[in-house]
Amino acid sequence: MTGLSTILIVVGLFLAGGAYSFSKQKMPKGTVVLLAGASAMCLIAGVMRIQGIWE
């Protein structure tokens, strides 16, 4: 596991927590969707780097 993979996964989990928190606080749906999308992209990129698909 490289440093960038770790950072991407940590940021993705942080954004996922933010999206969950914002949805519980009844924040605007656009903000929650934006955070959830950014979280998914970070997590996918981190996993792809671990698997060696994206270098």
N, C-alpha and C. Protein backbone atom coordinates (compact mmCIF):
# COMPACT_ATOMS: atom_id res chain seq x y z
N MET A 1 0.85 -1.17 0.00
CA MET A 1 0.00 0.00 0.00
C MET A 1 0.90 1.24 0.00
N THR A 2 0.62 2.12 -0.91
CA THR A 2 1.43 3.33 -1.00
C THR A 2 0.81 4.45 -0.17
N GLY A 3 1.56 5.51 0.00
CA GLY A 3 1.08 6.63 0.78
C GLY A 3 -0.14 7.30 0.16
N LEU A 4 -0.14 7.44 -1.17
CA LEU A 4 -1.27 8.08 -1.83
C LEU A 4 -2.54 7.25 -1.69
N SER A 5 -2.43 5.94 -1.76
CA SER A 5 -3.60 5.08 -1.57
C SER A 5 -4.18 5.27 -0.18
N THR A 6 -3.32 5.32 0.79
CA THR A 6 -3.77 5.51 2.17
C THR A 6 -4.47 6.85 2.32
N ILE A 7 -3.89 7.89 1.76
CA ILE A 7 -4.49 9.23 1.85
C ILE A 7 -5.85 9.25 1.16
N LEU A 8 -5.95 8.65 -0.02
CA LEU A 8 -7.22 8.64 -0.74
C LEU A 8 -8.30 7.92 0.06
N ILE A 9 -7.95 6.80 0.67
CA ILE A 9 -8.94 6.04 1.43
C ILE A 9 -9.35 6.80 2.69
N VAL A 10 -8.40 7.41 3.37
CA VAL A 10 -8.72 8.18 4.57
C VAL A 10 -9.61 9.37 4.23
N VAL A 11 -9.29 10.08 3.17
CA VAL A 11 -10.10 11.23 2.75
C VAL A 11 -11.50 10.75 2.34
N GLY A 12 -11.56 9.62 1.64
CA GLY A 12 -12.86 9.07 1.24
C GLY A 12 -13.72 8.72 2.44
N LEU A 13 -13.13 8.12 3.45
CA LEU A 13 -13.88 7.79 4.67
C LEU A 13 -14.30 9.05 5.42
N PHE A 14 -13.43 10.05 5.44
CA PHE A 14 -13.76 11.32 6.08
C PHE A 14 -14.95 11.98 5.38
N LEU A 15 -14.95 11.98 4.05
CA LEU A 15 -16.06 12.57 3.30
C LEU A 15 -17.34 11.76 3.47
N ALA A 16 -17.21 10.44 3.57
CA ALA A 16 -18.39 9.60 3.80
C ALA A 16 -19.01 9.93 5.16
N GLY A 17 -18.18 10.12 6.16
CA GLY A 17 -18.68 10.52 7.48
C GLY A 17 -19.36 11.88 7.43
N GLY A 18 -18.79 12.79 6.67
CA GLY A 18 -19.40 14.10 6.51
C GLY A 18 -20.75 14.02 5.83
N ALA A 19 -20.85 13.20 4.79
CA ALA A 19 -22.12 13.03 4.09
C ALA A 19 -23.16 12.43 5.01
N TYR A 20 -22.76 11.45 5.81
CA TYR A 20 -23.70 10.84 6.76
C TYR A 20 -24.16 11.86 7.80
N SER A 21 -23.22 12.62 8.32
CA SER A 21 -23.55 13.63 9.32
C SER A 21 -24.48 14.70 8.74
N PHE A 22 -24.17 15.15 7.53
CA PHE A 22 -25.00 16.18 6.90
C PHE A 22 -26.40 15.66 6.63
N SER A 23 -26.52 14.37 6.25
CA SER A 23 -27.85 13.83 5.99
C SER A 23 -28.66 13.73 7.28
N LYS A 24 -28.00 13.41 8.39
CA LYS A 24 -28.68 13.35 9.69
C LYS A 24 -29.13 14.73 10.15
N GLN A 25 -28.40 15.77 9.75
CA GLN A 25 -28.73 17.14 10.16
C GLN A 25 -29.73 17.80 9.21
N LYS A 26 -30.20 17.05 8.23
CA LYS A 26 -31.16 17.55 7.24
C LYS A 26 -30.61 18.72 6.44
N MET A 27 -29.33 18.61 6.06
CA MET A 27 -28.70 19.64 5.23
C MET A 27 -29.25 19.50 3.80
N PRO A 28 -29.00 20.49 2.93
CA PRO A 28 -29.49 20.39 1.54
C PRO A 28 -28.99 19.12 0.85
N LYS A 29 -29.88 18.51 0.09
CA LYS A 29 -29.54 17.24 -0.57
C LYS A 29 -28.38 17.38 -1.54
N GLY A 30 -28.24 18.54 -2.17
CA GLY A 30 -27.14 18.75 -3.10
C GLY A 30 -25.78 18.62 -2.42
N THR A 31 -25.68 19.13 -1.21
CA THR A 31 -24.43 19.04 -0.45
C THR A 31 -24.12 17.60 -0.08
N VAL A 32 -25.15 16.87 0.35
CA VAL A 32 -24.96 15.48 0.72
C VAL A 32 -24.54 14.65 -0.49
N VAL A 33 -25.18 14.88 -1.62
CA VAL A 33 -24.84 14.14 -2.84
C VAL A 33 -23.43 14.46 -3.29
N LEU A 34 -23.04 15.72 -3.21
CA LEU A 34 -21.68 16.12 -3.58
C LEU A 34 -20.65 15.43 -2.70
N LEU A 35 -20.86 15.41 -1.39
CA LEU A 35 -19.93 14.75 -0.48
C LEU A 35 -19.89 13.24 -0.72
N ALA A 36 -21.05 12.64 -0.94
CA ALA A 36 -21.10 11.20 -1.18
C ALA A 36 -20.38 10.84 -2.48
N GLY A 37 -20.56 11.64 -3.51
CA GLY A 37 -19.87 11.39 -4.78
C GLY A 37 -18.36 11.53 -4.65
N ALA A 38 -17.93 12.58 -3.95
CA ALA A 38 -16.50 12.78 -3.74
C ALA A 38 -15.91 11.64 -2.91
N SER A 39 -16.66 11.18 -1.93
CA SER A 39 -16.22 10.06 -1.11
C SER A 39 -16.04 8.81 -1.94
N ALA A 40 -17.03 8.52 -2.78
CA ALA A 40 -16.96 7.33 -3.62
C ALA A 40 -15.77 7.40 -4.57
N MET A 41 -15.53 8.57 -5.16
CA MET A 41 -14.41 8.69 -6.09
C MET A 41 -13.08 8.48 -5.38
N CYS A 42 -12.92 9.04 -4.18
CA CYS A 42 -11.67 8.86 -3.43
C CYS A 42 -11.47 7.40 -3.04
N LEU A 43 -12.53 6.76 -2.56
CA LEU A 43 -12.40 5.36 -2.16
C LEU A 43 -12.08 4.45 -3.35
N ILE A 44 -12.75 4.68 -4.46
CA ILE A 44 -12.50 3.86 -5.66
C ILE A 44 -11.07 4.07 -6.15
N ALA A 45 -10.62 5.32 -6.18
CA ALA A 45 -9.25 5.59 -6.64
C ALA A 45 -8.22 4.94 -5.72
N GLY A 46 -8.46 4.99 -4.41
CA GLY A 46 -7.54 4.36 -3.46
C GLY A 46 -7.47 2.85 -3.65
N VAL A 47 -8.62 2.22 -3.82
CA VAL A 47 -8.65 0.77 -4.02
C VAL A 47 -8.01 0.40 -5.35
N MET A 48 -8.26 1.19 -6.39
CA MET A 48 -7.65 0.91 -7.69
C MET A 48 -6.13 1.01 -7.62
N ARG A 49 -5.61 1.97 -6.84
CA ARG A 49 -4.16 2.07 -6.70
C ARG A 49 -3.60 0.88 -5.94
N ILE A 50 -4.32 0.38 -4.93
CA ILE A 50 -3.86 -0.79 -4.17
C ILE A 50 -3.81 -2.01 -5.09
N GLN A 51 -4.84 -2.16 -5.94
CA GLN A 51 -4.92 -3.32 -6.82
C GLN A 51 -3.95 -3.21 -8.01
N GLY A 52 -3.38 -2.05 -8.23
CA GLY A 52 -2.43 -1.87 -9.31
C GLY A 52 -3.10 -1.56 -10.64
N ILE A 53 -4.39 -1.25 -10.63
CA ILE A 53 -5.10 -0.93 -11.86
C ILE A 53 -4.75 0.46 -12.35
N TRP A 54 -4.61 1.37 -11.41
CA TRP A 54 -4.31 2.77 -11.74
C TRP A 54 -3.03 3.14 -11.01
N GLU A 55 -2.03 3.55 -11.77
CA GLU A 55 -0.73 3.86 -11.13
C GLU A 55 -0.38 5.29 -11.29
